[in-house]
Protein backbone atom coordinates (compact mmCIF):
# COMPACT_ATOMS: atom_id res chain seq x y z
CA MET A 1 30.91 5.26 -31.82
CA THR A 2 29.56 2.42 -29.69
CA ASN A 3 26.76 4.40 -28.12
CA GLU A 4 24.04 6.22 -29.97
CA GLU A 5 25.17 9.76 -30.72
CA GLY A 6 23.55 13.11 -30.17
CA ARG A 7 21.56 12.56 -26.98
CA SER A 8 22.28 14.09 -23.59
CA ARG A 9 21.71 12.39 -20.23
CA THR A 10 18.61 14.55 -19.78
CA ALA A 11 17.25 13.50 -23.14
CA ARG A 12 17.71 9.85 -22.29
CA ARG A 13 15.83 10.04 -19.02
CA ALA A 14 12.52 9.28 -20.71
CA SER A 15 9.64 7.63 -18.92
CA ALA A 16 6.89 6.63 -21.33
CA LEU A 17 3.46 8.14 -20.61
CA PRO A 18 0.31 8.66 -22.65
CA SER A 19 0.59 10.59 -25.85
CA ALA A 20 -1.35 13.66 -24.79
CA ALA A 21 1.92 14.74 -23.26
CA ILE A 22 3.99 15.25 -26.35
CA ALA A 23 4.35 19.01 -25.99
CA LEU A 24 5.39 18.62 -22.40
CA ALA A 25 7.73 15.85 -23.45
CA ALA A 26 9.35 18.10 -25.98
CA ALA A 27 9.89 20.71 -23.31
CA SER A 28 11.23 18.37 -20.64
CA LEU A 29 12.66 15.69 -22.93
CA ALA A 30 10.72 13.11 -20.93
CA ILE A 31 8.03 11.09 -22.68
CA ALA A 32 5.87 9.93 -19.81
CA CYS A 33 4.40 6.47 -19.27
CA GLY A 34 1.59 7.54 -17.25
CA SER A 35 0.50 7.20 -14.75
CA SER A 36 -0.06 5.15 -12.01
CA VAL A 37 1.01 1.58 -12.34
CA SER A 38 -1.40 -1.24 -12.93
CA ALA A 39 -0.16 -3.64 -10.30
CA PRO A 40 -1.55 -6.32 -8.03
CA ALA A 41 -1.46 -5.67 -4.34
CA ARG A 42 1.22 -7.67 -2.56
CA SER A 43 2.04 -8.16 1.06
CA ALA A 44 5.05 -6.31 2.39
CA SER A 45 6.47 -5.32 5.73
CA THR A 46 5.81 -1.68 6.48
CA ALA A 47 7.37 1.26 8.19
CA GLY A 48 6.00 4.71 8.84
CA THR A 49 3.27 6.42 10.73
CA GLY A 50 0.80 3.54 10.62
CA ALA A 51 -1.59 5.37 8.31
CA ASP A 52 -2.71 3.44 5.25
CA ALA A 53 -1.31 4.44 1.89
CA PRO A 54 -3.90 6.06 -0.42
CA ALA A 55 -5.96 3.54 -2.35
CA GLY A 56 -7.01 5.86 -5.17
CA GLY A 57 -3.62 6.49 -6.79
CA VAL A 58 -0.67 8.78 -6.14
CA PHE A 59 1.31 10.89 -8.56
CA ALA A 60 4.14 13.40 -8.72
CA LEU A 61 3.62 16.69 -10.53
CA SER A 62 5.65 19.90 -10.32
CA ARG A 63 7.85 18.37 -7.61
CA LEU A 64 4.84 17.72 -5.39
CA LEU A 65 3.52 14.32 -4.37
CA ARG A 66 -0.27 14.15 -4.45
CA ALA A 67 -3.03 11.65 -3.68
CA ALA A 68 -5.87 11.30 -6.18
CA ASP A 69 -8.28 10.68 -3.28
CA ALA A 70 -7.01 13.72 -1.32
CA SER A 71 -6.21 11.42 1.61
CA PHE A 72 -3.15 13.53 2.42
CA GLU A 73 -2.05 17.06 1.68
CA PRO A 74 0.35 17.52 -1.26
CA PHE A 75 3.94 17.76 -0.09
CA ALA A 76 7.27 18.67 -1.65
CA LEU A 77 9.63 15.89 -2.67
CA VAL A 78 13.28 15.88 -1.63
CA ALA A 79 14.14 15.54 -5.33
CA ASP A 80 11.95 15.65 -8.41
CA ALA A 81 10.24 12.53 -9.76
CA ARG A 82 8.20 11.61 -12.80
CA LEU A 83 4.68 10.27 -12.75
CA ARG A 84 5.41 6.60 -13.25
CA ALA A 85 8.24 6.56 -10.70
CA VAL A 86 5.72 6.68 -7.83
CA ALA A 87 3.65 3.92 -6.18
CA PRO A 88 1.83 3.37 -2.87
CA SER A 89 3.43 0.51 -0.97
CA GLY A 90 2.47 -0.77 2.47
CA ASP A 91 1.69 2.27 4.60
CA GLY A 92 4.05 4.49 2.62
CA ILE A 93 4.80 5.71 -0.89
CA LEU A 94 7.76 4.66 -3.02
CA VAL A 95 9.33 7.42 -5.12
CA TRP A 96 12.35 7.17 -7.41
CA SER A 97 13.91 10.57 -8.10
CA HIS A 98 15.82 11.16 -11.31
CA ASP A 99 17.49 14.25 -9.83
CA ASP A 100 19.68 12.18 -7.50
CA ASP A 101 19.13 8.50 -8.50
CA THR A 102 17.54 7.66 -5.16
CA LEU A 103 14.59 5.45 -4.22
CA ARG A 104 12.78 6.81 -1.15
CA ARG A 105 9.89 5.66 0.98
CA TYR A 106 7.80 8.61 2.11
CA ARG A 107 5.23 8.76 4.87
CA THR A 108 2.02 10.57 4.02
CA ASP A 109 3.11 13.52 6.15
CA GLY A 110 6.03 14.09 3.73
CA SER A 111 8.80 12.68 5.92
CA VAL A 112 11.19 10.04 4.58
CA SER A 113 11.29 6.69 6.37
CA ALA A 114 13.99 5.04 4.21
CA SER A 115 16.11 5.68 1.14
CA TRP A 116 18.45 3.70 -1.10
CA PRO A 117 20.64 4.61 -4.08
CA LEU A 118 19.33 3.24 -7.39
CA GLU A 119 21.22 4.52 -10.40
CA ALA A 120 19.28 4.68 -13.65
CA ALA A 121 18.16 7.05 -16.39
CA ALA A 122 14.48 6.22 -15.88
CA ALA A 123 12.40 4.12 -13.52
CA TRP A 124 8.81 2.89 -13.20
CA ALA A 125 7.47 1.81 -9.82
CA SER A 126 4.81 -0.55 -8.47
CA PRO A 127 4.11 -1.52 -4.84
CA SER A 128 6.70 -4.31 -4.95
CA LEU A 129 8.67 -3.95 -8.20
CA VAL A 130 10.72 -1.23 -9.88
CA LEU A 131 11.81 -1.38 -13.51
CA THR A 132 14.87 0.71 -14.40
CA ARG A 133 16.42 1.70 -17.72
CA ASP A 134 20.07 2.57 -18.30
CA GLU A 135 21.17 5.87 -19.77
CA LEU A 136 22.92 4.79 -22.98
CA TYR A 137 21.60 2.92 -25.98
CA THR A 138 24.22 0.73 -27.63
CA ARG A 139 23.93 0.38 -31.39
CA GLU A 140 24.48 -3.36 -31.26
CA ALA A 141 21.88 -4.20 -28.62
CA GLY A 142 19.79 -1.44 -27.08
CA PHE A 143 19.05 -0.11 -23.59
CA GLY A 144 19.83 -2.02 -20.45
CA PHE A 145 16.73 -2.75 -18.32
CA ALA A 146 16.58 -4.27 -14.85
CA LEU A 147 13.73 -5.43 -12.62
CA HIS A 148 14.11 -4.95 -8.86
CA ALA A 149 12.15 -6.27 -5.89
CA VAL A 150 11.40 -3.64 -3.24
CA ASP A 151 9.95 -3.69 0.27
CA ALA A 152 9.75 -1.39 3.26
CA THR A 153 12.99 -2.25 5.01
CA GLN A 154 15.57 -3.52 2.52
CA ALA A 155 17.48 -2.09 -0.41
CA PRO A 156 16.17 -2.96 -3.90
CA ARG A 157 17.13 -6.47 -4.99
CA LYS A 158 17.80 -7.09 -8.69
CA LEU A 159 15.72 -9.95 -10.10
CA GLY A 160 16.68 -9.83 -13.75
CA ALA A 161 18.45 -7.74 -16.38
CA TRP A 162 18.06 -7.46 -20.15
CA THR A 163 19.36 -5.48 -23.09
CA LEU A 164 16.49 -4.58 -25.41
CA ASP A 165 15.98 -2.56 -28.56
CA CYS A 166 13.11 -0.70 -26.92
CA PHE A 167 12.21 2.95 -26.43
CA PRO A 168 9.41 2.54 -23.84
CA SER A 169 5.97 3.96 -24.51
CA ASP A 170 3.83 2.17 -21.90
CA LEU A 171 3.96 -0.58 -19.32
CA SER A 172 1.81 -2.48 -16.86
CA PHE A 173 3.00 -4.48 -13.87
CA ASP A 174 1.37 -7.85 -13.35
CA GLU A 175 1.78 -10.71 -10.92
CA GLY A 176 5.38 -11.80 -11.35
CA GLY A 177 6.70 -9.22 -13.78
CA VAL A 178 5.99 -6.33 -16.10
CA LEU A 179 4.50 -5.88 -19.55
CA LEU A 180 6.62 -3.42 -21.54
CA ALA A 181 5.62 -1.74 -24.80
CA GLY A 182 7.95 0.33 -26.94
CA ALA A 183 9.40 1.05 -30.35
CA ASP A 184 12.63 -0.12 -31.89
CA ARG A 185 15.48 2.24 -32.80
CA ALA A 186 14.46 2.13 -36.46
CA ASP A 187 11.09 3.57 -35.38
CA ALA A 188 9.40 0.93 -37.52
CA THR A 189 7.97 -1.63 -35.09
CA HIS A 190 6.06 -1.62 -31.80
CA SER A 191 6.88 -4.54 -29.51
CA VAL A 192 5.14 -5.81 -26.38
CA ARG A 193 7.31 -7.90 -24.08
CA ARG A 194 6.88 -9.57 -20.72
CA LEU A 195 9.84 -9.29 -18.36
CA GLY A 196 9.58 -11.81 -15.53
CA GLU A 197 10.81 -11.85 -11.96
CA ASP A 198 12.52 -15.12 -12.91
CA GLY A 199 14.78 -13.26 -15.35
CA THR A 200 12.95 -14.31 -18.51
CA ALA A 201 11.97 -12.00 -21.36
CA ARG A 202 9.34 -12.95 -23.91
CA THR A 203 7.99 -11.07 -26.93
CA LEU A 204 4.19 -11.24 -26.90
CA PHE A 205 3.30 -9.12 -29.90
CA GLU A 206 4.70 -6.86 -32.61
CA PHE A 207 2.97 -4.52 -35.04
CA PRO A 208 4.00 -1.73 -37.44
CA LYS A 209 4.73 1.74 -36.06
CA ARG A 210 3.69 5.06 -37.53
CA ASP A 211 3.89 8.46 -35.84
CA ASP A 212 2.33 6.97 -32.70
CA PHE A 213 2.91 5.22 -29.38
CA ALA A 214 1.89 1.73 -28.30
CA ARG A 215 -0.57 1.63 -25.38
CA LEU A 216 -1.58 -1.24 -23.11
CA VAL A 217 -4.81 -1.92 -21.22
CA ALA A 218 -4.57 -5.01 -19.01
CA ASP A 219 -7.42 -6.85 -17.34
CA ALA A 220 -6.64 -10.17 -15.62
CA ASP A 221 -5.16 -12.38 -18.37
CA ARG A 222 -6.42 -10.17 -21.22
CA LEU A 223 -4.28 -7.49 -22.81
CA LEU A 224 -5.61 -4.90 -25.23
CA VAL A 225 -3.03 -3.11 -27.40
CA PHE A 226 -3.53 -0.02 -29.55
CA ALA A 227 -1.48 2.88 -30.90
CA SER A 228 -2.08 6.47 -29.79
CA ALA A 229 -1.42 9.15 -32.40
CA ARG A 230 1.07 11.92 -31.69
CA THR A 231 -1.32 14.54 -33.08
CA ARG A 232 -4.99 14.61 -34.07
CA GLU A 233 -5.38 13.33 -37.61
CA ALA A 234 -7.61 10.93 -39.49
CA ARG A 235 -6.14 7.44 -39.56
CA GLU A 236 -7.26 3.84 -39.57
CA LEU A 237 -8.29 2.73 -36.09
CA ALA A 238 -7.08 -0.64 -34.85
CA ALA A 239 -7.03 -2.57 -31.57
CA TYR A 240 -5.51 -5.97 -30.78
CA LEU A 241 -6.25 -8.60 -28.13
CA VAL A 242 -2.99 -10.27 -27.10
CA GLY A 243 -2.42 -13.39 -25.04
CA GLY A 244 -0.86 -16.83 -25.05
CA SER A 245 2.76 -17.88 -25.45
CA ALA A 246 3.34 -17.23 -29.16
CA ALA A 247 3.85 -13.86 -30.84
CA PRO A 248 0.93 -13.74 -33.31
CA ALA A 249 0.72 -11.70 -36.49
CA PRO A 250 -1.30 -8.46 -36.18
CA ALA A 251 -4.06 -9.79 -38.44
CA GLU A 252 -4.61 -12.75 -36.08
CA THR A 253 -5.28 -10.58 -33.05
CA ARG A 254 -6.92 -7.53 -34.60
CA LEU A 255 -10.43 -6.88 -33.29
CA GLU A 256 -13.34 -5.64 -35.35
CA LEU A 257 -14.51 -2.23 -34.12
CA LEU A 258 -18.28 -1.90 -34.11
CA GLY A 259 -20.30 1.29 -33.64
CA LEU A 260 -17.57 3.93 -34.01
CA PRO A 261 -18.95 7.40 -34.75
CA GLU A 262 -18.28 8.88 -38.19
CA SER A 263 -16.42 11.75 -36.53
CA ALA A 264 -13.77 9.43 -35.01
CA LEU A 265 -10.25 10.45 -36.07
CA CYS A 266 -7.76 8.40 -34.07
CA TRP A 267 -6.84 6.99 -30.69
CA TYR A 268 -5.39 9.83 -28.64
CA GLY A 269 -4.01 9.09 -25.18
CA SER A 270 -4.18 6.11 -22.84
CA GLY A 271 -6.95 3.65 -22.04
CA PHE A 272 -8.18 1.75 -19.00
CA PHE A 273 -10.59 -1.00 -17.94
CA PHE A 274 -13.46 0.02 -15.65
CA GLU A 275 -16.92 -1.39 -14.91
CA GLU A 276 -16.51 -4.24 -17.39
CA ARG A 277 -15.72 -1.92 -20.28
CA TRP A 278 -12.56 -1.11 -22.16
CA TRP A 279 -12.36 2.68 -22.26
CA LEU A 280 -10.23 3.91 -25.16
CA PRO A 281 -9.32 7.57 -25.86
CA LEU A 282 -10.82 8.90 -29.04
CA ALA A 283 -10.08 12.17 -30.86
CA LEU A 284 -13.05 13.55 -32.80
CA ALA A 285 -13.21 15.65 -35.95
CA ASP A 286 -14.63 18.70 -34.13
CA GLY A 287 -11.51 18.87 -31.90
CA ASP A 288 -13.12 17.21 -28.88
CA THR A 289 -11.79 14.11 -27.12
CA ALA A 290 -13.96 11.32 -25.78
CA LEU A 291 -13.91 8.11 -23.79
CA ALA A 292 -15.17 5.27 -25.97
CA GLY A 293 -16.54 2.43 -23.84
CA PHE A 294 -16.37 -0.99 -25.50
CA ARG A 295 -17.41 -4.49 -24.54
CA LEU A 296 -15.54 -7.47 -25.93
CA ALA A 297 -17.85 -9.64 -28.02
CA GLY A 298 -15.94 -12.53 -29.56
CA ASP A 299 -13.45 -11.07 -32.00
CA ALA A 300 -14.98 -7.61 -31.87
CA LEU A 301 -15.10 -4.54 -29.67
CA GLU A 302 -18.63 -3.20 -29.59
CA LEU A 303 -19.10 0.47 -28.67
CA GLU A 304 -21.63 0.87 -25.84
CA ALA A 305 -20.94 4.39 -24.59
CA LEU A 306 -19.29 7.57 -25.83
CA VAL A 307 -18.49 10.19 -23.18
CA ARG A 308 -17.32 13.44 -24.72
CA GLY A 309 -15.14 16.07 -23.07
CA SER A 310 -12.50 13.72 -21.63
CA LEU A 311 -9.81 16.44 -22.06
CA GLY A 312 -7.10 13.89 -22.90
CA VAL A 313 -6.26 10.78 -20.85
CA TYR A 314 -2.63 11.47 -20.00
CA ALA A 315 -2.18 9.05 -17.09
CA PRO A 316 -4.67 6.51 -15.71
CA LEU A 317 -4.41 6.49 -11.91
CA GLY A 318 -6.87 3.73 -11.02
CA PRO A 319 -10.22 3.28 -9.29
CA SER A 320 -11.20 5.11 -6.14
CA ALA A 321 -11.08 3.24 -2.83
CA ASP A 322 -14.81 2.42 -3.02
CA GLY A 323 -14.62 1.50 -6.72
CA ALA A 324 -17.30 4.04 -7.62
CA SER A 325 -15.11 6.08 -9.95
CA PHE A 326 -11.91 5.94 -11.95
CA ARG A 327 -9.28 8.67 -11.71
CA TYR A 328 -6.89 9.86 -14.38
CA LEU A 329 -4.72 12.87 -15.12
CA ALA A 330 -6.17 14.86 -17.99
CA TYR A 331 -3.87 16.82 -20.27
CA ASP A 332 -4.18 17.95 -23.88
CA HIS A 333 -0.99 19.45 -25.26
CA GLU A 334 -2.66 20.65 -28.46
CA ARG A 335 -5.74 22.34 -26.99
CA GLU A 336 -4.61 23.50 -23.53
CA PRO A 337 -0.84 23.20 -23.08
CA GLY A 338 0.27 23.54 -19.46
CA VAL A 339 -3.18 22.88 -17.95
CA TRP A 340 -3.38 19.74 -15.79
CA ARG A 341 -6.61 18.33 -14.38
CA LEU A 342 -7.52 15.45 -12.10
CA ALA A 343 -10.47 13.64 -13.67
CA SER A 344 -13.03 11.49 -11.87
CA PHE A 345 -15.17 9.21 -14.06
CA ASP A 346 -18.11 7.17 -12.77
CA GLY A 347 -18.78 5.33 -16.01
CA GLU A 348 -21.23 7.95 -17.29
CA THR A 349 -20.08 11.44 -16.31
CA LEU A 350 -16.81 13.26 -15.82
CA ALA A 351 -15.73 15.76 -13.16
CA PHE A 352 -12.46 17.71 -13.16
CA ASP A 353 -10.29 19.59 -10.69
CA ILE A 354 -7.58 21.87 -12.04
CA LEU A 355 -4.28 21.04 -10.36
CA ALA A 356 -2.33 23.93 -8.95
CA ALA A 357 0.39 24.33 -6.36
CA PRO A 358 -1.07 24.46 -2.81
């Protein structure tokens, strides 16, 4: 057979999100890539009611579109969408729905201002770019990926296309393209690539894969890479600082980790950059999860803060409009399967709201 056997269309519609979602992924056959999208703001023509799009992150959950800052009431989507297929854009919200392969622009009152067909098995959205992945993996090459430019008034415009041996686990949009992390079909190697608006593809970094998922934390021109474990277990902790034009060996980019508690088991979830610290998700031996706040000091990450009770960083959503807090979706498939929370973190303390249908 030319195409990889034994996988249905539903199984192939995977969007890669933080690892705390594995139980949900097993149920829905969709490994999420979390979250909101790390993307620079870009100018775009707008259409809609004239109200500003929410600045604190938007997300789709249980077929409802929600704002992390509660700037609009949750509303039902025309067709279901995954978390990373949603992005604020102009004065509206872009949503790609896997149910009907359609990209829509919603107003914050729930009405649709525009829609375009966009066939794919999975999609990840930013305010001005959408990355799509084809349904079938070919044994000889991999999945087909395409990067599209989007705005308020015109149909998506394809900027580049690639065939890659990559099962996505995380991504981050940047100025001019997207950083894509994922594993190869052999399940032996994590790769981090940059796909550019100019049609180029470049491998930035590769490192060995275990039973884990590559995660990215981007800040300006710095990129921190680590692997999140599928389940809580004691394993060697590692983090890598990636940059430049060459693909370095893991040993060249590996950072020394200073100050880790003795109870640290493994990285467990997704990370983010907030208030000049790299916050990485840590599973602890007593079953708790924590946010470990590091500062970069030369070739080392030095632990400065440990905030327990993070409840699993499933999907980073981004800072609030005033920058005073960072929001993320909290989910722990091992401890509390099926319970979703919206977390607000001010750099020292955490607050949670349980998400339920309105």
